[in-house]
């Protein structure tokens, strides 16, 4: 599985900066030109020299034509097709995550109702990987703030042939980049986390050892990433391949450098679902929550002792974000909840806060009172 090698599609993604980066990595020397609108690149080989001319600025009107001419020249010089040259230039400053759905050979497309789910799941995989790069947690109720800038480095590219393929490209190096040269870009850290997680997933399935992944959430998959991967495969309905092509300008971390491609099918999806459930568990611990009543339910008379009375609060928690917390109450506390709801006030509850799966609850409540906020 590799990037699409269609020159016309790839040419749209190639910037002047990418071409210059590629030439410099191939040993071409940049020279000063008398005309400030042009930049000369020279390659010295076997006592002979070859020169290429490129515009000095991306905004010049002929930049696309000049890039195309340069690619044709490089194709002749390197003895490779223009598609291969384009693919190599694109790969100079960009990582690519490649996902290929294994659809039956007698089908050339995927159902239209399934396509949005694949795309949404891929987006969430990147999104929650970015969350872990900012603040590694086992689970996130919602994305962290400050993610938008990181996500802007990722783009969905054209789908590619070979079953049904998605390419997600991430920019690793940019013009006038001022990042610490000794610290990998966040976009690279996101992709490295994916590669590390897929490697550990393969090991966890082979050894039937979910703890391998559960214990690695700080540097591999969190619960939402596990969910997203399961959704890409429609919960095991669709087998898919995942691969990574690293930008040639920046070496990836040593432990993921050799990651190439992996198949995700039923065993991997089952493992991911179990790991996700375990990562979402929050063990009971004493906490105090505060929030408005958003749900009241009692099947019988609320003042009768045997009635089941449940209440849900919307809580803005410092650690877990905005969560819905359920609690079962006795008759006195339930009437207090009704009063808070009727008056538009908050309830403050102290007890054992916990989460199982996606459900938050507070048990063994020792105090409950109405507050203004």
Protein backbone atom coordinates (compact mmCIF):
# COMPACT_ATOMS: atom_id res chain seq x y z
CA UNK A 1 0.00 0.00 0.00
CA UNK A 2 1.46 3.36 -1.02
CA UNK A 3 0.55 6.90 -1.93
CA UNK A 4 -1.31 7.44 -5.17
CA UNK A 5 1.18 8.06 -7.98
CA UNK A 6 -1.19 10.01 -10.25
CA UNK A 7 0.88 13.06 -11.23
CA UNK A 8 -2.08 15.41 -11.68
CA UNK A 9 -3.43 14.69 -8.19
CA UNK A 10 -0.05 14.84 -6.49
CA UNK A 11 1.02 17.96 -8.35
CA UNK A 12 -1.79 19.90 -6.66
CA UNK A 13 -0.24 19.08 -3.26
CA UNK A 14 3.33 20.07 -4.11
CA UNK A 15 4.53 23.47 -2.93
CA UNK A 16 7.62 25.37 -4.01
CA UNK A 17 9.02 24.71 -0.53
CA UNK A 18 8.56 20.95 -1.04
CA UNK A 19 10.45 21.01 -4.35
CA UNK A 20 13.31 23.00 -2.83
CA UNK A 21 13.48 20.65 0.17
CA UNK A 22 13.60 17.64 -2.15
CA UNK A 23 16.36 19.12 -4.31
CA UNK A 24 18.48 20.05 -1.28
CA UNK A 25 18.14 16.54 0.15
CA UNK A 26 19.22 15.12 -3.23
CA UNK A 27 22.43 17.18 -3.21
CA UNK A 28 21.39 20.10 -5.40
CA UNK A 29 23.07 23.38 -4.40
CA UNK A 30 21.13 26.60 -4.29
CA UNK A 31 22.82 29.48 -6.12
CA UNK A 32 22.18 33.21 -6.23
CA UNK A 33 20.62 34.38 -9.49
CA UNK A 34 20.92 37.84 -10.98
CA UNK A 35 17.18 37.89 -11.46
CA UNK A 36 15.57 38.02 -8.01
CA UNK A 37 12.48 36.31 -9.41
CA UNK A 38 14.38 33.05 -9.96
CA UNK A 39 16.41 30.60 -7.88
CA UNK A 40 19.04 28.37 -9.46
CA UNK A 41 19.69 24.82 -8.26
CA UNK A 42 22.82 23.06 -9.53
CA UNK A 43 23.79 19.39 -9.33
CA UNK A 44 27.42 18.42 -9.84
CA UNK A 45 27.96 14.84 -11.01
CA UNK A 46 30.92 13.21 -12.77
CA UNK A 47 32.50 16.59 -13.49
CA UNK A 48 29.29 17.72 -15.16
CA UNK A 49 26.66 20.11 -13.86
CA UNK A 50 22.90 20.37 -14.36
CA UNK A 51 20.87 23.44 -13.47
CA UNK A 52 17.20 23.90 -12.71
CA UNK A 53 15.36 27.22 -12.42
CA UNK A 54 12.55 27.77 -9.92
CA UNK A 55 10.52 30.87 -9.01
CA UNK A 56 11.74 32.60 -5.87
CA UNK A 57 8.22 33.06 -4.46
CA UNK A 58 5.12 30.85 -4.26
CA UNK A 59 2.85 33.74 -5.30
CA UNK A 60 4.28 34.11 -8.79
CA UNK A 61 1.75 33.30 -11.50
CA UNK A 62 3.91 30.72 -13.28
CA UNK A 63 4.84 28.73 -10.16
CA UNK A 64 2.66 25.67 -11.02
CA UNK A 65 4.03 25.52 -14.57
CA UNK A 66 7.63 25.83 -13.30
CA UNK A 67 7.09 23.06 -10.74
CA UNK A 68 5.64 20.79 -13.42
CA UNK A 69 8.63 21.48 -15.69
CA UNK A 70 11.03 20.73 -12.85
CA UNK A 71 9.30 17.41 -12.18
CA UNK A 72 9.59 16.44 -15.85
CA UNK A 73 13.28 17.30 -15.77
CA UNK A 74 13.84 15.32 -12.57
CA UNK A 75 12.04 12.34 -14.13
CA UNK A 76 14.57 12.32 -16.96
CA UNK A 77 17.56 12.93 -14.68
CA UNK A 78 16.63 10.24 -12.12
CA UNK A 79 15.14 7.75 -14.58
CA UNK A 80 11.82 7.55 -12.74
CA UNK A 81 8.24 8.26 -13.75
CA UNK A 82 6.75 11.68 -13.06
CA UNK A 83 4.30 10.04 -10.67
CA UNK A 84 7.15 8.53 -8.66
CA UNK A 85 8.94 11.90 -8.57
CA UNK A 86 5.75 13.65 -7.41
CA UNK A 87 5.20 11.03 -4.71
CA UNK A 88 8.78 11.43 -3.48
CA UNK A 89 8.46 15.23 -3.33
CA UNK A 90 5.14 15.02 -1.46
CA UNK A 91 6.81 12.64 0.98
CA UNK A 92 9.67 15.00 1.73
CA UNK A 93 7.84 17.14 4.28
CA UNK A 94 4.64 15.14 4.94
CA UNK A 95 3.75 11.94 6.75
CA UNK A 96 0.90 9.91 5.28
CA UNK A 97 -1.50 7.64 7.14
CA UNK A 98 -2.90 5.18 4.61
CA UNK A 99 -6.10 3.26 5.34
CA UNK A 100 -7.40 0.76 2.80
CA UNK A 101 -10.77 -0.94 3.26
CA UNK A 102 -10.86 -4.53 2.03
CA UNK A 103 -14.07 -4.56 0.03
CA UNK A 104 -15.19 -7.52 -2.13
CA UNK A 105 -13.56 -7.76 -5.56
CA UNK A 106 -16.96 -7.49 -7.26
CA UNK A 107 -17.54 -4.03 -5.76
CA UNK A 108 -15.89 -0.78 -6.85
CA UNK A 109 -17.35 1.44 -4.15
CA UNK A 110 -18.67 1.55 -0.61
CA UNK A 111 -22.30 2.18 0.47
CA UNK A 112 -22.99 5.90 0.72
CA UNK A 113 -24.42 5.53 4.23
CA UNK A 114 -21.17 3.93 5.44
CA UNK A 115 -18.76 6.47 3.96
CA UNK A 116 -19.44 9.25 6.53
CA UNK A 117 -18.83 6.80 9.37
CA UNK A 118 -15.42 5.83 7.98
CA UNK A 119 -14.43 9.47 7.51
CA UNK A 120 -15.73 10.57 10.93
CA UNK A 121 -13.88 7.70 12.62
CA UNK A 122 -10.60 8.57 10.89
CA UNK A 123 -11.01 12.19 11.96
CA UNK A 124 -11.64 11.14 15.57
CA UNK A 125 -8.62 8.84 15.52
CA UNK A 126 -6.39 11.82 14.66
CA UNK A 127 -8.30 14.16 16.97
CA UNK A 128 -7.96 12.04 20.11
CA UNK A 129 -4.38 11.11 19.30
CA UNK A 130 -3.75 14.87 19.34
CA UNK A 131 -5.44 15.07 22.76
CA UNK A 132 -2.98 12.50 24.12
CA UNK A 133 -0.05 14.49 22.72
CA UNK A 134 -1.24 17.53 24.71
CA UNK A 135 -2.28 15.71 27.90
CA UNK A 136 -2.12 11.91 27.98
CA UNK A 137 -5.21 10.42 29.65
CA UNK A 138 -6.85 7.00 29.40
CA UNK A 139 -10.13 8.53 28.20
CA UNK A 140 -11.64 11.86 27.09
CA UNK A 141 -15.27 12.82 27.39
CA UNK A 142 -14.68 15.37 24.62
CA UNK A 143 -11.68 16.80 22.74
CA UNK A 144 -9.37 19.11 24.66
CA UNK A 145 -9.26 22.80 23.86
CA UNK A 146 -6.37 24.01 21.73
CA UNK A 147 -6.59 21.10 19.28
CA UNK A 148 -7.63 23.12 16.22
CA UNK A 149 -4.13 24.44 15.48
CA UNK A 150 -2.63 20.92 15.53
CA UNK A 151 -5.45 19.49 13.41
CA UNK A 152 -4.84 22.16 10.75
CA UNK A 153 -1.63 20.28 9.84
CA UNK A 154 -3.69 17.26 8.69
CA UNK A 155 -5.53 16.94 5.39
CA UNK A 156 -7.72 14.32 3.75
CA UNK A 157 -6.24 13.60 0.33
CA UNK A 158 -7.80 11.92 -2.70
CA UNK A 159 -8.91 8.36 -2.16
CA UNK A 160 -6.58 5.87 -3.84
CA UNK A 161 -7.05 2.62 -5.70
CA UNK A 162 -6.59 -0.80 -4.10
CA UNK A 163 -9.82 -1.84 -2.37
CA UNK A 164 -10.93 1.61 -1.13
CA UNK A 165 -8.19 3.79 0.26
CA UNK A 166 -8.02 6.95 2.36
CA UNK A 167 -4.86 9.02 2.71
CA UNK A 168 -4.44 11.50 5.55
CA UNK A 169 -1.41 13.71 5.09
CA UNK A 170 0.26 15.70 7.87
CA UNK A 171 2.73 18.52 7.39
CA UNK A 172 6.00 17.97 9.27
CA UNK A 173 8.13 20.82 7.93
CA UNK A 174 7.02 24.26 6.73
CA UNK A 175 8.66 27.43 5.39
CA UNK A 176 9.92 29.78 8.11
CA UNK A 177 9.25 27.12 10.72
CA UNK A 178 10.51 28.23 14.14
CA UNK A 179 9.88 25.03 16.13
CA UNK A 180 12.62 23.56 18.31
CA UNK A 181 14.79 21.53 15.94
CA UNK A 182 15.33 18.93 18.68
CA UNK A 183 11.60 18.47 19.38
CA UNK A 184 9.49 16.65 16.77
CA UNK A 185 6.44 18.56 15.47
CA UNK A 186 3.18 17.66 17.19
CA UNK A 187 1.81 16.30 13.91
CA UNK A 188 4.69 13.79 13.85
CA UNK A 189 4.11 12.84 17.51
CA UNK A 190 0.47 12.09 16.65
CA UNK A 191 1.42 9.72 13.84
CA UNK A 192 4.16 8.09 15.94
CA UNK A 193 1.55 7.43 18.65
CA UNK A 194 -0.62 5.70 16.05
CA UNK A 195 2.25 3.54 14.81
CA UNK A 196 3.19 2.61 18.38
CA UNK A 197 -0.40 1.74 19.22
CA UNK A 198 -0.85 -0.48 16.16
CA UNK A 199 2.41 -2.28 16.95
CA UNK A 200 1.29 -2.94 20.53
CA UNK A 201 -2.16 -3.99 19.32
CA UNK A 202 -0.58 -6.70 17.17
CA UNK A 203 1.39 -7.92 20.19
CA UNK A 204 -1.65 -7.80 22.50
CA UNK A 205 -3.70 -9.93 20.08
CA UNK A 206 -0.86 -12.39 19.47
CA UNK A 207 -0.29 -12.90 23.21
CA UNK A 208 -3.96 -12.44 24.22
CA UNK A 209 -2.75 -9.79 26.66
CA UNK A 210 -4.92 -6.63 26.69
CA UNK A 211 -2.81 -5.20 29.54
CA UNK A 212 -0.10 -4.49 26.98
CA UNK A 213 -2.33 -1.80 25.47
CA UNK A 214 -4.11 -0.75 28.66
CA UNK A 215 -0.85 0.07 30.40
CA UNK A 216 0.48 1.95 27.37
CA UNK A 217 -2.19 4.68 27.08
CA UNK A 218 0.33 7.40 27.92
CA UNK A 219 2.26 6.75 24.69
CA UNK A 220 -0.13 4.68 22.54
CA UNK A 221 -3.94 4.39 22.29
CA UNK A 222 -6.46 6.03 24.60
CA UNK A 223 -10.05 4.76 24.84
CA UNK A 224 -11.40 7.15 22.20
CA UNK A 225 -8.68 6.11 19.76
CA UNK A 226 -9.67 2.45 20.30
CA UNK A 227 -13.31 3.37 19.61
CA UNK A 228 -12.36 5.26 16.46
CA UNK A 229 -10.37 2.34 15.02
CA UNK A 230 -13.30 0.00 15.72
CA UNK A 231 -15.59 2.47 13.93
CA UNK A 232 -13.33 2.59 10.86
CA UNK A 233 -13.92 -1.16 10.57
CA UNK A 234 -17.63 -0.76 11.34
CA UNK A 235 -17.18 -2.83 14.51
CA UNK A 236 -15.56 -5.72 12.64
CA UNK A 237 -17.82 -5.68 9.59
CA UNK A 238 -15.01 -4.38 7.35
CA UNK A 239 -11.38 -5.51 7.46
CA UNK A 240 -8.86 -2.80 6.61
CA UNK A 241 -5.16 -2.22 6.23
CA UNK A 242 -3.36 0.66 7.89
CA UNK A 243 0.07 1.87 6.85
CA UNK A 244 2.32 4.87 7.37
CA UNK A 245 4.78 6.56 5.03
CA UNK A 246 7.13 8.85 6.93
CA UNK A 247 8.33 12.23 5.69
CA UNK A 248 11.92 11.80 4.51
CA UNK A 249 13.02 15.15 5.98
CA UNK A 250 12.54 14.10 9.62
CA UNK A 251 13.33 10.63 10.98
CA UNK A 252 10.57 9.10 13.15
CA UNK A 253 11.24 7.78 16.65
CA UNK A 254 13.40 4.68 16.62
CA UNK A 255 10.73 2.36 18.09
CA UNK A 256 8.30 3.04 15.22
CA UNK A 257 10.75 3.61 12.37
CA UNK A 258 10.16 0.16 10.90
CA UNK A 259 6.35 0.24 11.15
CA UNK A 260 4.96 -0.39 7.70
CA UNK A 261 1.51 -1.92 7.46
CA UNK A 262 -0.98 -3.87 9.56
CA UNK A 263 -4.30 -5.62 8.97
CA UNK A 264 -7.18 -4.79 11.32
CA UNK A 265 -9.93 -7.43 11.45
CA UNK A 266 -12.18 -9.13 14.02
CA UNK A 267 -9.48 -10.14 16.56
CA UNK A 268 -8.04 -6.61 16.64
CA UNK A 269 -11.50 -4.97 16.89
CA UNK A 270 -12.49 -7.27 19.78
CA UNK A 271 -9.26 -6.44 21.59
CA UNK A 272 -9.77 -2.69 21.05
CA UNK A 273 -13.32 -2.81 22.41
CA UNK A 274 -12.17 -4.56 25.57
CA UNK A 275 -9.24 -2.18 26.04
CA UNK A 276 -11.55 0.81 25.54
CA UNK A 277 -13.94 -0.42 28.23
CA UNK A 278 -11.07 -0.88 30.67
CA UNK A 279 -9.55 2.53 29.95
CA UNK A 280 -12.92 4.20 30.56
CA UNK A 281 -13.23 2.78 34.06
CA UNK A 282 -12.71 5.29 36.86
CA UNK A 283 -12.36 3.50 40.19
CA UNK A 284 -14.63 4.78 42.99
CA UNK A 285 -13.06 7.68 44.84
CA UNK A 286 -14.38 10.35 47.19
CA UNK A 287 -15.40 13.46 45.30
CA UNK A 288 -17.76 16.42 45.48
CA UNK A 289 -19.80 17.27 42.39
CA UNK A 290 -22.01 20.25 41.64
CA UNK A 291 -24.44 20.89 38.81
CA UNK A 292 -28.01 21.42 37.63
CA UNK A 293 -30.55 18.58 37.66
CA UNK A 294 -31.16 17.48 34.07
CA UNK A 295 -33.20 14.33 34.70
CA UNK A 296 -35.54 13.01 37.41
CA UNK A 297 -37.16 9.58 37.33
CA UNK A 298 -39.33 7.69 39.78
CA UNK A 299 -41.61 4.86 38.67
CA UNK A 300 -43.82 5.10 41.75
CA UNK A 301 -44.64 7.43 44.61
CA UNK A 302 -41.35 9.25 45.47
CA UNK A 303 -42.11 9.22 49.18
CA UNK A 304 -42.67 5.46 49.35
CA UNK A 305 -39.68 3.53 50.65
CA UNK A 306 -39.51 0.90 47.90
CA UNK A 307 -39.63 3.31 44.93
CA UNK A 308 -36.52 3.60 42.76
CA UNK A 309 -35.55 7.26 42.45
CA UNK A 310 -32.82 8.32 40.00
CA UNK A 311 -31.42 11.75 39.32
CA UNK A 312 -28.86 13.00 36.81
CA UNK A 313 -26.70 16.10 37.15
CA UNK A 314 -24.73 17.92 34.47
CA UNK A 315 -21.35 18.49 36.08
CA UNK A 316 -18.37 20.55 34.91
CA UNK A 317 -15.55 18.59 36.49
CA UNK A 318 -12.04 20.02 36.73
CA UNK A 319 -10.45 16.71 35.70
CA UNK A 320 -13.04 14.97 33.52
CA UNK A 321 -14.67 17.93 31.76
CA UNK A 322 -18.46 18.14 31.32
CA UNK A 323 -20.05 14.86 32.40
CA UNK A 324 -23.51 13.54 33.23
CA UNK A 325 -23.55 11.91 36.66
CA UNK A 326 -26.36 9.60 37.76
CA UNK A 327 -27.30 8.83 41.36
CA UNK A 328 -29.98 6.83 43.17
CA UNK A 329 -31.54 8.70 46.09
CA UNK A 330 -33.68 8.09 49.12
CA UNK A 331 -37.00 9.87 49.48
CA UNK A 332 -35.69 12.94 51.36
CA UNK A 333 -32.79 13.52 48.99
CA UNK A 334 -35.07 12.96 45.98
CA UNK A 335 -37.50 15.64 47.18
CA UNK A 336 -34.50 17.94 47.58
CA UNK A 337 -33.55 17.23 43.96
CA UNK A 338 -37.11 18.06 42.84
CA UNK A 339 -36.90 21.38 44.72
CA UNK A 340 -33.53 22.23 43.11
CA UNK A 341 -34.89 21.43 39.67
CA UNK A 342 -38.06 23.46 40.21
CA UNK A 343 -36.09 26.50 41.40
CA UNK A 344 -33.39 26.21 38.71
CA UNK A 345 -30.67 25.71 41.31
CA UNK A 346 -27.74 23.30 41.53
CA UNK A 347 -27.25 20.23 43.68
CA UNK A 348 -23.97 19.55 45.42
CA UNK A 349 -23.35 15.88 46.23
CA UNK A 350 -20.49 14.22 48.08
CA UNK A 351 -19.82 10.52 47.66
CA UNK A 352 -17.91 7.91 45.65
CA UNK A 353 -17.61 9.07 42.04
CA UNK A 354 -16.94 6.37 39.44
CA UNK A 355 -17.30 5.53 35.75
CA UNK A 356 -18.06 2.16 34.16
CA UNK A 357 -18.03 2.23 30.36
CA UNK A 358 -19.58 5.55 29.41
CA UNK A 359 -21.74 5.86 32.55
CA UNK A 360 -20.77 8.13 35.45
CA UNK A 361 -22.39 7.64 38.84
CA UNK A 362 -21.90 8.72 42.41
CA UNK A 363 -22.53 6.13 45.11
CA UNK A 364 -22.54 6.05 48.92
CA UNK A 365 -23.66 9.68 49.08
CA UNK A 366 -22.84 11.26 52.44
CA UNK A 367 -24.10 14.80 51.78
CA UNK A 368 -26.51 16.51 49.39
CA UNK A 369 -27.51 20.17 49.39
CA UNK A 370 -28.97 22.85 47.14
CA UNK A 371 -26.61 25.59 45.98
CA UNK A 372 -26.99 28.66 43.77
CA UNK A 373 -24.29 27.48 41.36
